[in-house]
Amino acid sequence: MKLLKNYCLVAEIEKEETTEGGIILSSGALLDKSHSPGLLVAKGPDANPDLTIGDRVYLQWSESMPITHEGNAGVIVSDEFIKATYKI
């Protein structure tokens, strides 16, 4: 996929949480996606140079366009809506 301008492709990170009773909750069952990080998969030529492919990023999910790419869920978002990045 070739992204244009300052757009970025962010993959959703599947996160499982276990309750005290041992019930596994998938990321779809979590209450608020806005607190979940994503994985920066690709970026356009004009995207912020501080963003590195492979970074975990926090973004404004409501400003993103959901897509499915090669069978994986993700979003395309302008780099201005990526609020923070961190490396594992």
PDB file of N, CA and C in Angstrom:
ATOM      1  N   MET A   1       0.851  -1.170   0.000  1.00  0.00           N
ATOM      2  CA  MET A   1       0.000   0.000   0.000  1.00  0.00           C
ATOM      3  C   MET A   1       0.898   1.234   0.000  1.00  0.00           C
ATOM      4  N   LYS A   2       0.604   2.160  -0.882  1.00  0.00           N
ATOM      5  CA  LYS A   2       1.348   3.418  -0.935  1.00  0.00           C
ATOM      6  C   LYS A   2       0.458   4.515  -0.375  1.00  0.00           C
ATOM      7  N   LEU A   3       0.868   5.071   0.747  1.00  0.00           N
ATOM      8  CA  LEU A   3       0.107   6.152   1.371  1.00  0.00           C
ATOM      9  C   LEU A   3       0.550   7.487   0.799  1.00  0.00           C
ATOM     10  N   LEU A   4      -0.391   8.388   0.667  1.00  0.00           N
ATOM     11  CA  LEU A   4      -0.120   9.707   0.115  1.00  0.00           C
ATOM     12  C   LEU A   4      -0.015  10.747   1.224  1.00  0.00           C
ATOM     13  N   LYS A   5       0.642  11.839   0.908  1.00  0.00           N
ATOM     14  CA  LYS A   5       0.765  13.012   1.779  1.00  0.00           C
ATOM     15  C   LYS A   5       1.212  12.626   3.186  1.00  0.00           C
ATOM     16  N   ASN A   6       0.434  13.048   4.197  1.00  0.00           N
ATOM     17  CA  ASN A   6       0.837  12.809   5.590  1.00  0.00           C
ATOM     18  C   ASN A   6      -0.013  11.717   6.246  1.00  0.00           C
ATOM     19  N   TYR A   7      -0.562  10.817   5.437  1.00  0.00           N
ATOM     20  CA  TYR A   7      -1.414   9.765   5.992  1.00  0.00           C
ATOM     21  C   TYR A   7      -0.593   8.588   6.494  1.00  0.00           C
ATOM     22  N   CYS A   8      -1.112   7.946   7.534  1.00  0.00           N
ATOM     23  CA  CYS A   8      -0.438   6.810   8.158  1.00  0.00           C
ATOM     24  C   CYS A   8      -1.395   5.631   8.240  1.00  0.00           C
ATOM     25  N   LEU A   9      -0.832   4.432   8.127  1.00  0.00           N
ATOM     26  CA  LEU A   9      -1.591   3.201   8.310  1.00  0.00           C
ATOM     27  C   LEU A   9      -1.254   2.657   9.682  1.00  0.00           C
ATOM     28  N   VAL A  10      -2.282   2.519  10.497  1.00  0.00           N
ATOM     29  CA  VAL A  10      -2.108   2.036  11.865  1.00  0.00           C
ATOM     30  C   VAL A  10      -2.926   0.760  12.029  1.00  0.00           C
ATOM     31  N   ALA A  11      -2.262  -0.300  12.456  1.00  0.00           N
ATOM     32  CA  ALA A  11      -2.939  -1.572  12.688  1.00  0.00           C
ATOM     33  C   ALA A  11      -3.479  -1.600  14.114  1.00  0.00           C
ATOM     34  N   GLU A  12      -4.646  -2.191  14.247  1.00  0.00           N
ATOM     35  CA  GLU A  12      -5.194  -2.384  15.587  1.00  0.00           C
ATOM     36  C   GLU A  12      -4.400  -3.487  16.267  1.00  0.00           C
ATOM     37  N   ILE A  13      -4.099  -3.292  17.530  1.00  0.00           N
ATOM     38  CA  ILE A  13      -3.376  -4.291  18.303  1.00  0.00           C
ATOM     39  C   ILE A  13      -4.397  -5.103  19.067  1.00  0.00           C
ATOM     40  N   GLU A  14      -4.431  -6.398  18.786  1.00  0.00           N
ATOM     41  CA  GLU A  14      -5.352  -7.278  19.502  1.00  0.00           C
ATOM     42  C   GLU A  14      -4.871  -7.393  20.944  1.00  0.00           C
ATOM     43  N   LYS A  15      -5.744  -7.069  21.848  1.00  0.00           N
ATOM     44  CA  LYS A  15      -5.395  -7.081  23.261  1.00  0.00           C
ATOM     45  C   LYS A  15      -6.405  -7.948  23.985  1.00  0.00           C
ATOM     46  N   GLU A  16      -5.906  -8.901  24.740  1.00  0.00           N
ATOM     47  CA  GLU A  16      -6.795  -9.725  25.538  1.00  0.00           C
ATOM     48  C   GLU A  16      -6.579  -9.398  27.003  1.00  0.00           C
ATOM     49  N   GLU A  17      -7.659  -9.301  27.707  1.00  0.00           N
ATOM     50  CA  GLU A  17      -7.589  -9.087  29.143  1.00  0.00           C
ATOM     51  C   GLU A  17      -8.360 -10.197  29.819  1.00  0.00           C
ATOM     52  N   THR A  18      -7.882 -10.609  30.973  1.00  0.00           N
ATOM     53  CA  THR A  18      -8.532 -11.666  31.729  1.00  0.00           C
ATOM     54  C   THR A  18      -9.103 -11.076  33.006  1.00  0.00           C
ATOM     55  N   THR A  19     -10.360 -11.387  33.275  1.00  0.00           N
ATOM     56  CA  THR A  19     -10.987 -10.918  34.508  1.00  0.00           C
ATOM     57  C   THR A  19     -10.500 -11.771  35.671  1.00  0.00           C
ATOM     58  N   GLU A  20     -10.812 -11.357  36.886  1.00  0.00           N
ATOM     59  CA  GLU A  20     -10.424 -12.130  38.065  1.00  0.00           C
ATOM     60  C   GLU A  20     -10.999 -13.543  38.032  1.00  0.00           C
ATOM     61  N   GLY A  21     -12.152 -13.708  37.393  1.00  0.00           N
ATOM     62  CA  GLY A  21     -12.788 -15.019  37.304  1.00  0.00           C
ATOM     63  C   GLY A  21     -12.242 -15.877  36.179  1.00  0.00           C
ATOM     64  N   GLY A  22     -11.265 -15.349  35.404  1.00  0.00           N
ATOM     65  CA  GLY A  22     -10.648 -16.119  34.346  1.00  0.00           C
ATOM     66  C   GLY A  22     -11.306 -15.966  32.983  1.00  0.00           C
ATOM     67  N   ILE A  23     -12.258 -15.044  32.861  1.00  0.00           N
ATOM     68  CA  ILE A  23     -12.920 -14.820  31.578  1.00  0.00           C
ATOM     69  C   ILE A  23     -12.014 -13.953  30.714  1.00  0.00           C
ATOM     70  N   ILE A  24     -11.783 -14.384  29.464  1.00  0.00           N
ATOM     71  CA  ILE A  24     -10.931 -13.632  28.548  1.00  0.00           C
ATOM     72  C   ILE A  24     -11.794 -12.669  27.745  1.00  0.00           C
ATOM     73  N   LEU A  25     -11.424 -11.392  27.786  1.00  0.00           N
ATOM     74  CA  LEU A  25     -12.113 -10.365  27.019  1.00  0.00           C
ATOM     75  C   LEU A  25     -11.244  -9.987  25.840  1.00  0.00           C
ATOM     76  N   SER A  26     -11.783 -10.073  24.626  1.00  0.00           N
ATOM     77  CA  SER A  26     -11.018  -9.633  23.456  1.00  0.00           C
ATOM     78  C   SER A  26     -11.094  -8.120  23.371  1.00  0.00           C
ATOM     79  N   SER A  27     -10.284  -7.535  22.491  1.00  0.00           N
ATOM     80  CA  SER A  27     -10.275  -6.078  22.363  1.00  0.00           C
ATOM     81  C   SER A  27     -11.647  -5.545  21.946  1.00  0.00           C
ATOM     82  N   GLY A  28     -12.427  -6.332  21.225  1.00  0.00           N
ATOM     83  CA  GLY A  28     -13.756  -5.899  20.818  1.00  0.00           C
ATOM     84  C   GLY A  28     -14.711  -5.774  21.982  1.00  0.00           C
ATOM     85  N   ALA A  29     -14.410  -6.452  23.082  1.00  0.00           N
ATOM     86  CA  ALA A  29     -15.280  -6.415  24.247  1.00  0.00           C
ATOM     87  C   ALA A  29     -14.875  -5.325  25.234  1.00  0.00           C
ATOM     88  N   LEU A  30     -13.747  -4.682  24.997  1.00  0.00           N
ATOM     89  CA  LEU A  30     -13.308  -3.649  25.922  1.00  0.00           C
ATOM     90  C   LEU A  30     -14.199  -2.423  25.781  1.00  0.00           C
ATOM     91  N   LEU A  31     -14.312  -1.676  26.858  1.00  0.00           N
ATOM     92  CA  LEU A  31     -15.256  -0.575  26.893  1.00  0.00           C
ATOM     93  C   LEU A  31     -14.877   0.594  25.999  1.00  0.00           C
ATOM     94  N   ASP A  32     -13.617   0.977  25.980  1.00  0.00           N
ATOM     95  CA  ASP A  32     -13.253   2.205  25.289  1.00  0.00           C
ATOM     96  C   ASP A  32     -11.996   2.007  24.447  1.00  0.00           C
ATOM     97  N   LYS A  33     -12.145   1.977  23.146  1.00  0.00           N
ATOM     98  CA  LYS A  33     -11.028   1.780  22.230  1.00  0.00           C
ATOM     99  C   LYS A  33     -10.070   2.968  22.244  1.00  0.00           C
ATOM    100  N   SER A  34     -10.556   4.129  22.646  1.00  0.00           N
ATOM    101  CA  SER A  34      -9.733   5.335  22.587  1.00  0.00           C
ATOM    102  C   SER A  34      -8.488   5.253  23.468  1.00  0.00           C
ATOM    103  N   HIS A  35      -8.468   4.339  24.404  1.00  0.00           N
ATOM    104  CA  HIS A  35      -7.305   4.185  25.283  1.00  0.00           C
ATOM    105  C   HIS A  35      -6.361   3.107  24.787  1.00  0.00           C
ATOM    106  N   SER A  36      -6.666   2.501  23.640  1.00  0.00           N
ATOM    107  CA  SER A  36      -5.848   1.424  23.108  1.00  0.00           C
ATOM    108  C   SER A  36      -4.837   1.975  22.108  1.00  0.00           C
ATOM    109  N   PRO A  37      -3.597   1.474  22.164  1.00  0.00           N
ATOM    110  CA  PRO A  37      -2.611   1.904  21.175  1.00  0.00           C
ATOM    111  C   PRO A  37      -2.801   1.157  19.864  1.00  0.00           C
ATOM    112  N   GLY A  38      -2.165   1.646  18.830  1.00  0.00           N
ATOM    113  CA  GLY A  38      -2.113   0.970  17.541  1.00  0.00           C
ATOM    114  C   GLY A  38      -0.655   0.798  17.155  1.00  0.00           C
ATOM    115  N   LEU A  39      -0.409   0.071  16.081  1.00  0.00           N
ATOM    116  CA  LEU A  39       0.941  -0.178  15.593  1.00  0.00           C
ATOM    117  C   LEU A  39       1.106   0.541  14.259  1.00  0.00           C
ATOM    118  N   LEU A  40       2.085   1.427  14.156  1.00  0.00           N
ATOM    119  CA  LEU A  40       2.330   2.161  12.924  1.00  0.00           C
ATOM    120  C   LEU A  40       2.949   1.216  11.889  1.00  0.00           C
ATOM    121  N   VAL A  41       2.218   0.972  10.813  1.00  0.00           N
ATOM    122  CA  VAL A  41       2.625   0.007   9.801  1.00  0.00           C
ATOM    123  C   VAL A  41       3.263   0.687   8.589  1.00  0.00           C
ATOM    124  N   ALA A  42       2.746   1.846   8.208  1.00  0.00           N
ATOM    125  CA  ALA A  42       3.273   2.570   7.046  1.00  0.00           C
ATOM    126  C   ALA A  42       2.939   4.046   7.195  1.00  0.00           C
ATOM    127  N   LYS A  43       3.689   4.873   6.471  1.00  0.00           N
ATOM    128  CA  LYS A  43       3.402   6.313   6.502  1.00  0.00           C
ATOM    129  C   LYS A  43       3.714   6.923   5.154  1.00  0.00           C
ATOM    130  N   GLY A  44       3.009   8.012   4.856  1.00  0.00           N
ATOM    131  CA  GLY A  44       3.197   8.718   3.605  1.00  0.00           C
ATOM    132  C   GLY A  44       4.465   9.549   3.612  1.00  0.00           C
ATOM    133  N   PRO A  45       4.868  10.076   2.455  1.00  0.00           N
ATOM    134  CA  PRO A  45       6.131  10.804   2.333  1.00  0.00           C
ATOM    135  C   PRO A  45       6.185  12.117   3.118  1.00  0.00           C
ATOM    136  N   ASP A  46       5.044  12.703   3.413  1.00  0.00           N
ATOM    137  CA  ASP A  46       5.022  13.974   4.137  1.00  0.00           C
ATOM    138  C   ASP A  46       4.675  13.813   5.620  1.00  0.00           C
ATOM    139  N   ALA A  47       4.627  12.571   6.106  1.00  0.00           N
ATOM    140  CA  ALA A  47       4.278  12.328   7.514  1.00  0.00           C
ATOM    141  C   ALA A  47       5.406  12.814   8.425  1.00  0.00           C
ATOM    142  N   ASN A  48       5.044  13.100   9.649  1.00  0.00           N
ATOM    143  CA  ASN A  48       5.987  13.580  10.648  1.00  0.00           C
ATOM    144  C   ASN A  48       7.204  12.655  10.723  1.00  0.00           C
ATOM    145  N   PRO A  49       8.421  13.189  10.596  1.00  0.00           N
ATOM    146  CA  PRO A  49       9.628  12.355  10.633  1.00  0.00           C
ATOM    147  C   PRO A  49       9.880  11.711  12.000  1.00  0.00           C
ATOM    148  N   ASP A  50       9.225  12.192  13.042  1.00  0.00           N
ATOM    149  CA  ASP A  50       9.372  11.587  14.373  1.00  0.00           C
ATOM    150  C   ASP A  50       8.645  10.244  14.472  1.00  0.00           C
ATOM    151  N   LEU A  51       7.762   9.961  13.520  1.00  0.00           N
ATOM    152  CA  LEU A  51       7.041   8.694  13.510  1.00  0.00           C
ATOM    153  C   LEU A  51       7.897   7.640  12.817  1.00  0.00           C
ATOM    154  N   THR A  52       8.068   6.499  13.489  1.00  0.00           N
ATOM    155  CA  THR A  52       8.882   5.413  12.956  1.00  0.00           C
ATOM    156  C   THR A  52       8.021   4.175  12.791  1.00  0.00           C
ATOM    157  N   ILE A  53       8.138   3.519  11.643  1.00  0.00           N
ATOM    158  CA  ILE A  53       7.408   2.282  11.410  1.00  0.00           C
ATOM    159  C   ILE A  53       7.742   1.298  12.537  1.00  0.00           C
ATOM    160  N   GLY A  54       6.707   0.682  13.090  1.00  0.00           N
ATOM    161  CA  GLY A  54       6.889  -0.255  14.198  1.00  0.00           C
ATOM    162  C   GLY A  54       6.613   0.346  15.561  1.00  0.00           C
ATOM    163  N   ASP A  55       6.450   1.670  15.620  1.00  0.00           N
ATOM    164  CA  ASP A  55       6.126   2.329  16.896  1.00  0.00           C
ATOM    165  C   ASP A  55       4.707   1.991  17.310  1.00  0.00           C
ATOM    166  N   ARG A  56       4.485   1.947  18.611  1.00  0.00           N
ATOM    167  CA  ARG A  56       3.128   1.923  19.149  1.00  0.00           C
ATOM    168  C   ARG A  56       2.687   3.377  19.211  1.00  0.00           C
ATOM    169  N   VAL A  57       1.459   3.650  18.799  1.00  0.00           N
ATOM    170  CA  VAL A  57       0.978   5.023  18.773  1.00  0.00           C
ATOM    171  C   VAL A  57      -0.397   5.120  19.420  1.00  0.00           C
ATOM    172  N   TYR A  58      -0.631   6.257  20.037  1.00  0.00           N
ATOM    173  CA  TYR A  58      -1.968   6.598  20.516  1.00  0.00           C
ATOM    174  C   TYR A  58      -2.517   7.638  19.564  1.00  0.00           C
ATOM    175  N   LEU A  59      -3.746   7.408  19.109  1.00  0.00           N
ATOM    176  CA  LEU A  59      -4.315   8.308  18.131  1.00  0.00           C
ATOM    177  C   LEU A  59      -5.761   8.623  18.460  1.00  0.00           C
ATOM    178  N   GLN A  60      -6.266   9.594  17.776  1.00  0.00           N
ATOM    179  CA  GLN A  60      -7.663   9.983  17.902  1.00  0.00           C
ATOM    180  C   GLN A  60      -8.446   9.084  16.944  1.00  0.00           C
ATOM    181  N   TRP A  61      -8.916   7.934  17.465  1.00  0.00           N
ATOM    182  CA  TRP A  61      -9.560   6.915  16.636  1.00  0.00           C
ATOM    183  C   TRP A  61     -10.766   7.466  15.878  1.00  0.00           C
ATOM    184  N   SER A  62     -11.470   8.432  16.459  1.00  0.00           N
ATOM    185  CA  SER A  62     -12.677   8.960  15.812  1.00  0.00           C
ATOM    186  C   SER A  62     -12.363   9.697  14.506  1.00  0.00           C
ATOM    187  N   GLU A  63     -11.116  10.092  14.296  1.00  0.00           N
ATOM    188  CA  GLU A  63     -10.723  10.815  13.080  1.00  0.00           C
ATOM    189  C   GLU A  63     -10.085   9.900  12.044  1.00  0.00           C
ATOM    190  N   SER A  64     -10.190   8.593  12.247  1.00  0.00           N
ATOM    191  CA  SER A  64      -9.544   7.651  11.346  1.00  0.00           C
ATOM    192  C   SER A  64     -10.551   6.967  10.425  1.00  0.00           C
ATOM    193  N   MET A  65     -10.046   6.395   9.326  1.00  0.00           N
ATOM    194  CA  MET A  65     -10.873   5.673   8.374  1.00  0.00           C
ATOM    195  C   MET A  65     -10.562   4.183   8.505  1.00  0.00           C
ATOM    196  N   PRO A  66     -11.510   3.377   9.017  1.00  0.00           N
ATOM    197  CA  PRO A  66     -11.259   1.943   9.177  1.00  0.00           C
ATOM    198  C   PRO A  66     -11.095   1.244   7.827  1.00  0.00           C
ATOM    199  N   ILE A  67     -10.127   0.339   7.748  1.00  0.00           N
ATOM    200  CA  ILE A  67      -9.906  -0.452   6.543  1.00  0.00           C
ATOM    201  C   ILE A  67      -9.529  -1.880   6.939  1.00  0.00           C
ATOM    202  N   THR A  68      -9.565  -2.762   5.958  1.00  0.00           N
ATOM    203  CA  THR A  68      -9.001  -4.097   6.108  1.00  0.00           C
ATOM    204  C   THR A  68      -7.947  -4.231   5.024  1.00  0.00           C
ATOM    205  N   HIS A  69      -6.710  -4.493   5.420  1.00  0.00           N
ATOM    206  CA  HIS A  69      -5.603  -4.599   4.476  1.00  0.00           C
ATOM    207  C   HIS A  69      -4.923  -5.941   4.677  1.00  0.00           C
ATOM    208  N   GLU A  70      -4.900  -6.751   3.634  1.00  0.00           N
ATOM    209  CA  GLU A  70      -4.303  -8.083   3.681  1.00  0.00           C
ATOM    210  C   GLU A  70      -4.860  -8.897   4.847  1.00  0.00           C
ATOM    211  N   GLY A  71      -6.166  -8.750   5.075  1.00  0.00           N
ATOM    212  CA  GLY A  71      -6.841  -9.513   6.114  1.00  0.00           C
ATOM    213  C   GLY A  71      -6.689  -8.969   7.523  1.00  0.00           C
ATOM    214  N   ASN A  72      -6.023  -7.846   7.671  1.00  0.00           N
ATOM    215  CA  ASN A  72      -5.806  -7.263   8.999  1.00  0.00           C
ATOM    216  C   ASN A  72      -6.597  -5.975   9.156  1.00  0.00           C
ATOM    217  N   ALA A  73      -7.166  -5.786  10.335  1.00  0.00           N
ATOM    218  CA  ALA A  73      -7.913  -4.567  10.631  1.00  0.00           C
ATOM    219  C   ALA A  73      -6.945  -3.434  10.927  1.00  0.00           C
ATOM    220  N   GLY A  74      -7.268  -2.264  10.410  1.00  0.00           N
ATOM    221  CA  GLY A  74      -6.441  -1.108  10.663  1.00  0.00           C
ATOM    222  C   GLY A  74      -7.196   0.162  10.305  1.00  0.00           C
ATOM    223  N   VAL A  75      -6.490   1.274  10.381  1.00  0.00           N
ATOM    224  CA  VAL A  75      -7.082   2.558  10.035  1.00  0.00           C
ATOM    225  C   VAL A  75      -6.068   3.396   9.271  1.00  0.00           C
ATOM    226  N   ILE A  76      -6.595   4.283   8.434  1.00  0.00           N
ATOM    227  CA  ILE A  76      -5.766   5.306   7.805  1.00  0.00           C
ATOM    228  C   ILE A  76      -6.110   6.613   8.508  1.00  0.00           C
ATOM    229  N   VAL A  77      -5.076   7.325   8.930  1.00  0.00           N
ATOM    230  CA  VAL A  77      -5.286   8.543   9.708  1.00  0.00           C
ATOM    231  C   VAL A  77      -4.203   9.562   9.344  1.00  0.00           C
ATOM    232  N   SER A  78      -4.567  10.816   9.346  1.00  0.00           N
ATOM    233  CA  SER A  78      -3.596  11.886   9.152  1.00  0.00           C
ATOM    234  C   SER A  78      -2.661  11.913  10.358  1.00  0.00           C
ATOM    235  N   ASP A  79      -1.388  12.208  10.129  1.00  0.00           N
ATOM    236  CA  ASP A  79      -0.436  12.203  11.239  1.00  0.00           C
ATOM    237  C   ASP A  79      -0.775  13.228  12.320  1.00  0.00           C
ATOM    238  N   GLU A  80      -1.572  14.239  11.990  1.00  0.00           N
ATOM    239  CA  GLU A  80      -1.939  15.238  12.999  1.00  0.00           C
ATOM    240  C   GLU A  80      -2.817  14.647  14.106  1.00  0.00           C
ATOM    241  N   PHE A  81      -3.433  13.487  13.849  1.00  0.00           N
ATOM    242  CA  PHE A  81      -4.289  12.865  14.852  1.00  0.00           C
ATOM    243  C   PHE A  81      -3.572  11.769  15.640  1.00  0.00           C
ATOM    244  N   ILE A  82      -2.290  11.595  15.373  1.00  0.00           N
ATOM    245  CA  ILE A  82      -1.464  10.705  16.204  1.00  0.00           C
ATOM    246  C   ILE A  82      -0.907  11.574  17.321  1.00  0.00           C
ATOM    247  N   LYS A  83      -1.285  11.252  18.537  1.00  0.00           N
ATOM    248  CA  LYS A  83      -0.987  12.136  19.675  1.00  0.00           C
ATOM    249  C   LYS A  83       0.268  11.770  20.427  1.00  0.00           C
ATOM    250  N   ALA A  84       0.678  10.495  20.394  1.00  0.00           N
ATOM    251  CA  ALA A  84       1.864  10.060  21.138  1.00  0.00           C
ATOM    252  C   ALA A  84       2.390   8.780  20.508  1.00  0.00           C
ATOM    253  N   THR A  85       3.679   8.542  20.714  1.00  0.00           N
ATOM    254  CA  THR A  85       4.320   7.340  20.208  1.00  0.00           C
ATOM    255  C   THR A  85       5.255   6.795  21.273  1.00  0.00           C
ATOM    256  N   TYR A  86       5.430   5.488  21.286  1.00  0.00           N
ATOM    257  CA  TYR A  86       6.417   4.880  22.185  1.00  0.00           C
ATOM    258  C   TYR A  86       6.911   3.576  21.579  1.00  0.00           C
ATOM    259  N   LYS A  87       8.115   3.216  21.955  1.00  0.00           N
ATOM    260  CA  LYS A  87       8.721   1.981  21.497  1.00  0.00           C
ATOM    261  C   LYS A  87       8.671   0.954  22.629  1.00  0.00           C
ATOM    262  N   ILE A  88       8.548  -0.307  22.236  1.00  0.00           N
ATOM    263  CA  ILE A  88       8.504  -1.363  23.261  1.00  0.00           C
ATOM    264  C   ILE A  88       9.920  -1.804  23.567  1.00  0.00           C
TER     265      ILE A  88
END
